[in-house]
Amino acid sequence: ALSDMVSCLAEIAHETKGYDLPELNEPEEG
């Protein structure tokens, strides 16, 4: 859930501010 939220926030910043998207690591199990 946290990884998904962080990805969504980055996408909003990309669209509203033109910032580059960060490289996000998928959370490992556990």
Full PDB file with SEQRES, HELIX, SHEET, SSBOND, CRYST1, ORIGX, SCALE, CONECT and MASTER records, all heavy atoms in Angstrom:
SEQRES   1 A   30  ALA LEU SER ASP MET VAL SER CYS LEU ALA GLU ILE ALA          
SEQRES   2 A   30  HIS GLU THR LYS GLY TYR ASP LEU PRO GLU LEU ASN GLU          
SEQRES   3 A   30  PRO GLU GLU GLY                                              
HELIX    1 AA1 LEU A    2  LYS A   17  1                                  16    
CRYST1    1.000    1.000    1.000  90.00  90.00  90.00 P 1           1          
ORIGX1      1.000000  0.000000  0.000000        0.00000                         
ORIGX2      0.000000  1.000000  0.000000        0.00000                         
ORIGX3      0.000000  0.000000  1.000000        0.00000                         
SCALE1      1.000000  0.000000  0.000000        0.00000                         
SCALE2      0.000000  1.000000  0.000000        0.00000                         
SCALE3      0.000000  0.000000  1.000000        0.00000                         
ATOM      1  N   ALA A   1       0.832  -1.200   0.000  1.00  0.00           N  
ATOM      2  CA  ALA A   1       0.000   0.000   0.000  1.00  0.00           C  
ATOM      3  C   ALA A   1       0.869   1.254   0.000  1.00  0.00           C  
ATOM      4  O   ALA A   1       0.584   2.232  -0.705  1.00  0.00           O  
ATOM      5  CB  ALA A   1      -0.924  -0.002   1.214  1.00  0.00           C  
ATOM      6  N   LEU A   2       1.935   1.233   0.777  1.00  0.00           N  
ATOM      7  CA  LEU A   2       2.848   2.373   0.853  1.00  0.00           C  
ATOM      8  C   LEU A   2       3.550   2.588  -0.479  1.00  0.00           C  
ATOM      9  O   LEU A   2       3.670   3.724  -0.957  1.00  0.00           O  
ATOM     10  CB  LEU A   2       3.864   2.130   1.968  1.00  0.00           C  
ATOM     11  CG  LEU A   2       4.742   3.305   2.387  1.00  0.00           C  
ATOM     12  CD1 LEU A   2       3.887   4.456   2.896  1.00  0.00           C  
ATOM     13  CD2 LEU A   2       5.729   2.860   3.455  1.00  0.00           C  
ATOM     14  N   SER A   3       4.006   1.497  -1.091  1.00  0.00           N  
ATOM     15  CA  SER A   3       4.677   1.593  -2.385  1.00  0.00           C  
ATOM     16  C   SER A   3       3.744   2.164  -3.442  1.00  0.00           C  
ATOM     17  O   SER A   3       4.133   3.018  -4.249  1.00  0.00           O  
ATOM     18  CB  SER A   3       5.173   0.210  -2.818  1.00  0.00           C  
ATOM     19  OG  SER A   3       5.769   0.259  -4.097  1.00  0.00           O  
ATOM     20  N   ASP A   4       2.493   1.726  -3.422  1.00  0.00           N  
ATOM     21  CA  ASP A   4       1.511   2.211  -4.383  1.00  0.00           C  
ATOM     22  C   ASP A   4       1.240   3.698  -4.162  1.00  0.00           C  
ATOM     23  O   ASP A   4       1.157   4.480  -5.125  1.00  0.00           O  
ATOM     24  CB  ASP A   4       0.220   1.408  -4.243  1.00  0.00           C  
ATOM     25  CG  ASP A   4      -0.848   1.844  -5.231  1.00  0.00           C  
ATOM     26  OD1 ASP A   4      -0.703   1.532  -6.429  1.00  0.00           O  
ATOM     27  OD2 ASP A   4      -1.814   2.501  -4.817  1.00  0.00           O  
ATOM     28  N   MET A   5       1.112   4.112  -2.904  1.00  0.00           N  
ATOM     29  CA  MET A   5       0.856   5.519  -2.606  1.00  0.00           C  
ATOM     30  C   MET A   5       2.019   6.398  -3.053  1.00  0.00           C  
ATOM     31  O   MET A   5       1.817   7.458  -3.655  1.00  0.00           O  
ATOM     32  CB  MET A   5       0.591   5.720  -1.117  1.00  0.00           C  
ATOM     33  CG  MET A   5       0.413   7.187  -0.727  1.00  0.00           C  
ATOM     34  SD  MET A   5       0.190   7.445   1.043  1.00  0.00           S  
ATOM     35  CE  MET A   5      -1.579   7.148   1.170  1.00  0.00           C  
ATOM     36  N   VAL A   6       3.237   5.966  -2.767  1.00  0.00           N  
ATOM     37  CA  VAL A   6       4.421   6.738  -3.153  1.00  0.00           C  
ATOM     38  C   VAL A   6       4.488   6.882  -4.676  1.00  0.00           C  
ATOM     39  O   VAL A   6       4.832   7.953  -5.203  1.00  0.00           O  
ATOM     40  CB  VAL A   6       5.696   6.068  -2.606  1.00  0.00           C  
ATOM     41  CG1 VAL A   6       6.948   6.688  -3.224  1.00  0.00           C  
ATOM     42  CG2 VAL A   6       5.753   6.205  -1.087  1.00  0.00           C  
ATOM     43  N   SER A   7       4.147   5.828  -5.373  1.00  0.00           N  
ATOM     44  CA  SER A   7       4.124   5.872  -6.837  1.00  0.00           C  
ATOM     45  C   SER A   7       3.080   6.866  -7.339  1.00  0.00           C  
ATOM     46  O   SER A   7       3.334   7.640  -8.270  1.00  0.00           O  
ATOM     47  CB  SER A   7       3.829   4.470  -7.390  1.00  0.00           C  
ATOM     48  OG  SER A   7       3.744   4.496  -8.800  1.00  0.00           O  
ATOM     49  N   CYS A   8       1.916   6.866  -6.713  1.00  0.00           N  
ATOM     50  CA  CYS A   8       0.851   7.795  -7.094  1.00  0.00           C  
ATOM     51  C   CYS A   8       1.256   9.243  -6.843  1.00  0.00           C  
ATOM     52  O   CYS A   8       1.006  10.133  -7.670  1.00  0.00           O  
ATOM     53  CB  CYS A   8      -0.429   7.473  -6.327  1.00  0.00           C  
ATOM     54  SG  CYS A   8      -1.232   5.936  -6.831  1.00  0.00           S  
ATOM     55  N   LEU A   9       1.891   9.506  -5.705  1.00  0.00           N  
ATOM     56  CA  LEU A   9       2.344  10.865  -5.384  1.00  0.00           C  
ATOM     57  C   LEU A   9       3.378  11.348  -6.389  1.00  0.00           C  
ATOM     58  O   LEU A   9       3.362  12.507  -6.818  1.00  0.00           O  
ATOM     59  CB  LEU A   9       2.918  10.899  -3.971  1.00  0.00           C  
ATOM     60  CG  LEU A   9       1.921  10.663  -2.828  1.00  0.00           C  
ATOM     61  CD1 LEU A   9       2.662  10.433  -1.514  1.00  0.00           C  
ATOM     62  CD2 LEU A   9       0.948  11.831  -2.693  1.00  0.00           C  
ATOM     63  N   ALA A  10       4.278  10.451  -6.782  1.00  0.00           N  
ATOM     64  CA  ALA A  10       5.304  10.806  -7.759  1.00  0.00           C  
ATOM     65  C   ALA A  10       4.683  11.127  -9.114  1.00  0.00           C  
ATOM     66  O   ALA A  10       5.118  12.053  -9.807  1.00  0.00           O  
ATOM     67  CB  ALA A  10       6.307   9.658  -7.898  1.00  0.00           C  
ATOM     68  N   GLU A  11       3.653  10.382  -9.483  1.00  0.00           N  
ATOM     69  CA  GLU A  11       2.975  10.615 -10.765  1.00  0.00           C  
ATOM     70  C   GLU A  11       2.270  11.971 -10.755  1.00  0.00           C  
ATOM     71  O   GLU A  11       2.290  12.699 -11.752  1.00  0.00           O  
ATOM     72  CB  GLU A  11       1.963   9.499 -11.034  1.00  0.00           C  
ATOM     73  CG  GLU A  11       1.230   9.632 -12.355  1.00  0.00           C  
ATOM     74  CD  GLU A  11       2.144   9.539 -13.565  1.00  0.00           C  
ATOM     75  OE1 GLU A  11       3.124   8.768 -13.511  1.00  0.00           O  
ATOM     76  OE2 GLU A  11       1.877  10.254 -14.559  1.00  0.00           O  
ATOM     77  N   ILE A  12       1.670  12.325  -9.616  1.00  0.00           N  
ATOM     78  CA  ILE A  12       1.021  13.634  -9.524  1.00  0.00           C  
ATOM     79  C   ILE A  12       2.050  14.753  -9.678  1.00  0.00           C  
ATOM     80  O   ILE A  12       1.843  15.722 -10.412  1.00  0.00           O  
ATOM     81  CB  ILE A  12       0.269  13.783  -8.189  1.00  0.00           C  
ATOM     82  CG1 ILE A  12      -0.889  12.782  -8.115  1.00  0.00           C  
ATOM     83  CG2 ILE A  12      -0.264  15.213  -8.022  1.00  0.00           C  
ATOM     84  CD1 ILE A  12      -1.573  12.729  -6.757  1.00  0.00           C  
ATOM     85  N   ALA A  13       3.188  14.602  -8.996  1.00  0.00           N  
ATOM     86  CA  ALA A  13       4.248  15.611  -9.082  1.00  0.00           C  
ATOM     87  C   ALA A  13       4.784  15.724 -10.511  1.00  0.00           C  
ATOM     88  O   ALA A  13       5.125  16.817 -10.981  1.00  0.00           O  
ATOM     89  CB  ALA A  13       5.387  15.253  -8.126  1.00  0.00           C  
ATOM     90  N   HIS A  14       4.855  14.605 -11.200  1.00  0.00           N  
ATOM     91  CA  HIS A  14       5.315  14.591 -12.589  1.00  0.00           C  
ATOM     92  C   HIS A  14       4.373  15.401 -13.469  1.00  0.00           C  
ATOM     93  O   HIS A  14       4.815  16.150 -14.356  1.00  0.00           O  
ATOM     94  CB  HIS A  14       5.392  13.143 -13.075  1.00  0.00           C  
ATOM     95  CG  HIS A  14       5.839  12.998 -14.499  1.00  0.00           C  
ATOM     96  ND1 HIS A  14       7.101  13.349 -14.924  1.00  0.00           N  
ATOM     97  CD2 HIS A  14       5.170  12.543 -15.602  1.00  0.00           C  
ATOM     98  CE1 HIS A  14       7.204  13.113 -16.232  1.00  0.00           C  
ATOM     99  NE2 HIS A  14       6.045  12.629 -16.652  1.00  0.00           N  
ATOM    100  N   GLU A  15       3.064  15.278 -13.213  1.00  0.00           N  
ATOM    101  CA  GLU A  15       2.076  15.952 -14.033  1.00  0.00           C  
ATOM    102  C   GLU A  15       1.896  17.422 -13.650  1.00  0.00           C  
ATOM    103  O   GLU A  15       1.751  18.282 -14.522  1.00  0.00           O  
ATOM    104  CB  GLU A  15       0.725  15.230 -13.921  1.00  0.00           C  
ATOM    105  CG  GLU A  15       0.724  13.829 -14.497  1.00  0.00           C  
ATOM    106  CD  GLU A  15       0.917  13.813 -16.002  1.00  0.00           C  
ATOM    107  OE1 GLU A  15       0.422  14.748 -16.663  1.00  0.00           O  
ATOM    108  OE2 GLU A  15       1.556  12.872 -16.516  1.00  0.00           O  
ATOM    109  N   THR A  16       1.895  17.717 -12.339  1.00  0.00           N  
ATOM    110  CA  THR A  16       1.622  19.089 -11.904  1.00  0.00           C  
ATOM    111  C   THR A  16       2.852  19.985 -11.890  1.00  0.00           C  
ATOM    112  O   THR A  16       2.748  21.202 -12.045  1.00  0.00           O  
ATOM    113  CB  THR A  16       0.995  19.115 -10.500  1.00  0.00           C  
ATOM    114  OG1 THR A  16       1.910  18.515  -9.558  1.00  0.00           O  
ATOM    115  CG2 THR A  16      -0.326  18.359 -10.478  1.00  0.00           C  
ATOM    116  N   LYS A  17       4.026  19.383 -11.673  1.00  0.00           N  
ATOM    117  CA  LYS A  17       5.252  20.172 -11.557  1.00  0.00           C  
ATOM    118  C   LYS A  17       6.292  19.841 -12.633  1.00  0.00           C  
ATOM    119  O   LYS A  17       7.291  20.540 -12.763  1.00  0.00           O  
ATOM    120  CB  LYS A  17       5.883  19.939 -10.169  1.00  0.00           C  
ATOM    121  CG  LYS A  17       5.070  20.513  -9.004  1.00  0.00           C  
ATOM    122  CD  LYS A  17       5.078  22.021  -9.024  1.00  0.00           C  
ATOM    123  CE  LYS A  17       4.420  22.640  -7.806  1.00  0.00           C  
ATOM    124  NZ  LYS A  17       5.167  22.485  -6.572  1.00  0.00           N  
ATOM    125  N   GLY A  18       6.083  18.754 -13.367  1.00  0.00           N  
ATOM    126  CA  GLY A  18       7.044  18.374 -14.388  1.00  0.00           C  
ATOM    127  C   GLY A  18       8.284  17.694 -13.847  1.00  0.00           C  
ATOM    128  O   GLY A  18       9.303  17.587 -14.537  1.00  0.00           O  
ATOM    129  N   TYR A  19       8.219  17.197 -12.606  1.00  0.00           N  
ATOM    130  CA  TYR A  19       9.369  16.530 -12.004  1.00  0.00           C  
ATOM    131  C   TYR A  19       9.565  15.144 -12.617  1.00  0.00           C  
ATOM    132  O   TYR A  19       8.603  14.480 -13.040  1.00  0.00           O  
ATOM    133  CB  TYR A  19       9.178  16.373 -10.495  1.00  0.00           C  
ATOM    134  CG  TYR A  19       9.086  17.672  -9.727  1.00  0.00           C  
ATOM    135  CD1 TYR A  19       8.377  17.740  -8.528  1.00  0.00           C  
ATOM    136  CD2 TYR A  19       9.710  18.831 -10.182  1.00  0.00           C  
ATOM    137  CE1 TYR A  19       8.293  18.930  -7.807  1.00  0.00           C  
ATOM    138  CE2 TYR A  19       9.628  20.013  -9.471  1.00  0.00           C  
ATOM    139  CZ  TYR A  19       8.913  20.058  -8.284  1.00  0.00           C  
ATOM    140  OH  TYR A  19       8.831  21.230  -7.583  1.00  0.00           O  
ATOM    141  N   ASP A  20      10.815  14.708 -12.654  1.00  0.00           N  
ATOM    142  CA  ASP A  20      11.110  13.355 -13.124  1.00  0.00           C  
ATOM    143  C   ASP A  20      10.519  12.328 -12.166  1.00  0.00           C  
ATOM    144  O   ASP A  20      10.389  12.581 -10.961  1.00  0.00           O  
ATOM    145  CB  ASP A  20      12.625  13.132 -13.223  1.00  0.00           C  
ATOM    146  CG  ASP A  20      13.254  13.954 -14.337  1.00  0.00           C  
ATOM    147  OD1 ASP A  20      12.528  14.334 -15.285  1.00  0.00           O  
ATOM    148  OD2 ASP A  20      14.470  14.223 -14.252  1.00  0.00           O  
ATOM    149  N   LEU A  21      10.199  11.166 -12.703  1.00  0.00           N  
ATOM    150  CA  LEU A  21       9.690  10.084 -11.863  1.00  0.00           C  
ATOM    151  C   LEU A  21      10.852   9.333 -11.229  1.00  0.00           C  
ATOM    152  O   LEU A  21      11.838   9.041 -11.893  1.00  0.00           O  
ATOM    153  CB  LEU A  21       8.853   9.108 -12.706  1.00  0.00           C  
ATOM    154  CG  LEU A  21       7.532   9.666 -13.242  1.00  0.00           C  
ATOM    155  CD1 LEU A  21       6.931   8.687 -14.237  1.00  0.00           C  
ATOM    156  CD2 LEU A  21       6.566   9.919 -12.098  1.00  0.00           C  
ATOM    157  N   PRO A  22      10.763   9.021  -9.932  1.00  0.00           N  
ATOM    158  CA  PRO A  22      11.836   8.266  -9.266  1.00  0.00           C  
ATOM    159  C   PRO A  22      11.785   6.801  -9.653  1.00  0.00           C  
ATOM    160  O   PRO A  22      10.764   6.295 -10.133  1.00  0.00           O  
ATOM    161  CB  PRO A  22      11.521   8.447  -7.779  1.00  0.00           C  
ATOM    162  CG  PRO A  22      10.026   8.603  -7.751  1.00  0.00           C  
ATOM    163  CD  PRO A  22       9.673   9.364  -8.999  1.00  0.00           C  
ATOM    164  N   GLU A  23      12.903   6.118  -9.457  1.00  0.00           N  
ATOM    165  CA  GLU A  23      12.917   4.677  -9.630  1.00  0.00           C  
ATOM    166  C   GLU A  23      12.409   4.053  -8.343  1.00  0.00           C  
ATOM    167  O   GLU A  23      12.987   4.250  -7.275  1.00  0.00           O  
ATOM    168  CB  GLU A  23      14.332   4.183  -9.935  1.00  0.00           C  
ATOM    169  CG  GLU A  23      14.866   4.669 -11.277  1.00  0.00           C  
ATOM    170  CD  GLU A  23      16.233   4.084 -11.574  1.00  0.00           C  
ATOM    171  OE1 GLU A  23      16.677   3.204 -10.806  1.00  0.00           O  
ATOM    172  OE2 GLU A  23      16.855   4.500 -12.574  1.00  0.00           O  
ATOM    173  N   LEU A  24      11.318   3.325  -8.444  1.00  0.00           N  
ATOM    174  CA  LEU A  24      10.689   2.747  -7.262  1.00  0.00           C  
ATOM    175  C   LEU A  24      10.938   1.253  -7.220  1.00  0.00           C  
ATOM    176  O   LEU A  24      10.781   0.555  -8.224  1.00  0.00           O  
ATOM    177  CB  LEU A  24       9.177   3.016  -7.278  1.00  0.00           C  
ATOM    178  CG  LEU A  24       8.772   4.498  -7.295  1.00  0.00           C  
ATOM    179  CD1 LEU A  24       7.269   4.614  -7.473  1.00  0.00           C  
ATOM    180  CD2 LEU A  24       9.201   5.170  -5.999  1.00  0.00           C  
ATOM    181  N   ASN A  25      11.314   0.775  -6.053  1.00  0.00           N  
ATOM    182  CA  ASN A  25      11.512  -0.656  -5.854  1.00  0.00           C  
ATOM    183  C   ASN A  25      10.240  -1.271  -5.315  1.00  0.00           C  
ATOM    184  O   ASN A  25       9.628  -0.737  -4.384  1.00  0.00           O  
ATOM    185  CB  ASN A  25      12.663  -0.909  -4.873  1.00  0.00           C  
ATOM    186  CG  ASN A  25      13.987  -0.427  -5.408  1.00  0.00           C  
ATOM    187  OD1 ASN A  25      14.261  -0.553  -6.600  1.00  0.00           O  
ATOM    188  ND2 ASN A  25      14.810   0.152  -4.533  1.00  0.00           N  
ATOM    189  N   GLU A  26       9.841  -2.396  -5.874  1.00  0.00           N  
ATOM    190  CA  GLU A  26       8.671  -3.086  -5.377  1.00  0.00           C  
ATOM    191  C   GLU A  26       8.975  -3.670  -4.001  1.00  0.00           C  
ATOM    192  O   GLU A  26      10.056  -4.221  -3.770  1.00  0.00           O  
ATOM    193  CB  GLU A  26       8.265  -4.230  -6.324  1.00  0.00           C  
ATOM    194  CG  GLU A  26       7.734  -3.738  -7.651  1.00  0.00           C  
ATOM    195  CD  GLU A  26       6.470  -2.916  -7.496  1.00  0.00           C  
ATOM    196  OE1 GLU A  26       5.648  -3.253  -6.621  1.00  0.00           O  
ATOM    197  OE2 GLU A  26       6.303  -1.937  -8.234  1.00  0.00           O  
ATOM    198  N   PRO A  27       8.064  -3.566  -3.030  1.00  0.00           N  
ATOM    199  CA  PRO A  27       8.305  -4.106  -1.698  1.00  0.00           C  
ATOM    200  C   PRO A  27       8.416  -5.627  -1.742  1.00  0.00           C  
ATOM    201  O   PRO A  27       7.669  -6.291  -2.452  1.00  0.00           O  
ATOM    202  CB  PRO A  27       7.059  -3.673  -0.908  1.00  0.00           C  
ATOM    203  CG  PRO A  27       6.003  -3.516  -1.950  1.00  0.00           C  
ATOM    204  CD  PRO A  27       6.696  -3.008  -3.160  1.00  0.00           C  
ATOM    205  N   GLU A  28       9.370  -6.128  -0.998  1.00  0.00           N  
ATOM    206  CA  GLU A  28       9.524  -7.567  -0.929  1.00  0.00           C  
ATOM    207  C   GLU A  28       8.547  -8.125   0.081  1.00  0.00           C  
ATOM    208  O   GLU A  28       8.090  -7.451   0.991  1.00  0.00           O  
ATOM    209  CB  GLU A  28      10.961  -7.927  -0.506  1.00  0.00           C  
ATOM    210  CG  GLU A  28      11.999  -7.451  -1.539  1.00  0.00           C  
ATOM    211  CD  GLU A  28      13.402  -7.837  -1.097  1.00  0.00           C  
ATOM    212  OE1 GLU A  28      13.512  -8.487  -0.025  1.00  0.00           O  
ATOM    213  OE2 GLU A  28      14.353  -7.509  -1.806  1.00  0.00           O  
ATOM    214  N   GLU A  29       8.202  -9.391  -0.093  1.00  0.00           N  
ATOM    215  CA  GLU A  29       7.259 -10.025   0.797  1.00  0.00           C  
ATOM    216  C   GLU A  29       7.772  -9.987   2.226  1.00  0.00           C  
ATOM    217  O   GLU A  29       8.921 -10.352   2.508  1.00  0.00           O  
ATOM    218  CB  GLU A  29       7.035 -11.483   0.368  1.00  0.00           C  
ATOM    219  CG  GLU A  29       5.963 -12.193   1.169  1.00  0.00           C  
ATOM    220  CD  GLU A  29       5.697 -13.591   0.657  1.00  0.00           C  
ATOM    221  OE1 GLU A  29       6.281 -13.948  -0.383  1.00  0.00           O  
ATOM    222  OE2 GLU A  29       4.924 -14.311   1.299  1.00  0.00           O  
ATOM    223  N   GLY A  30       6.923  -9.505   3.119  1.00  0.00           N  
ATOM    224  CA  GLY A  30       7.310  -9.452   4.528  1.00  0.00           C  
ATOM    225  C   GLY A  30       8.078  -8.217   4.909  1.00  0.00           C  
ATOM    226  O   GLY A  30       8.438  -8.023   6.058  1.00  0.00           O  
TER     227      GLY A  30                                                      
MASTER        0    0    0    1    0    0    0    6  226    1    0    3          
END                                                                             
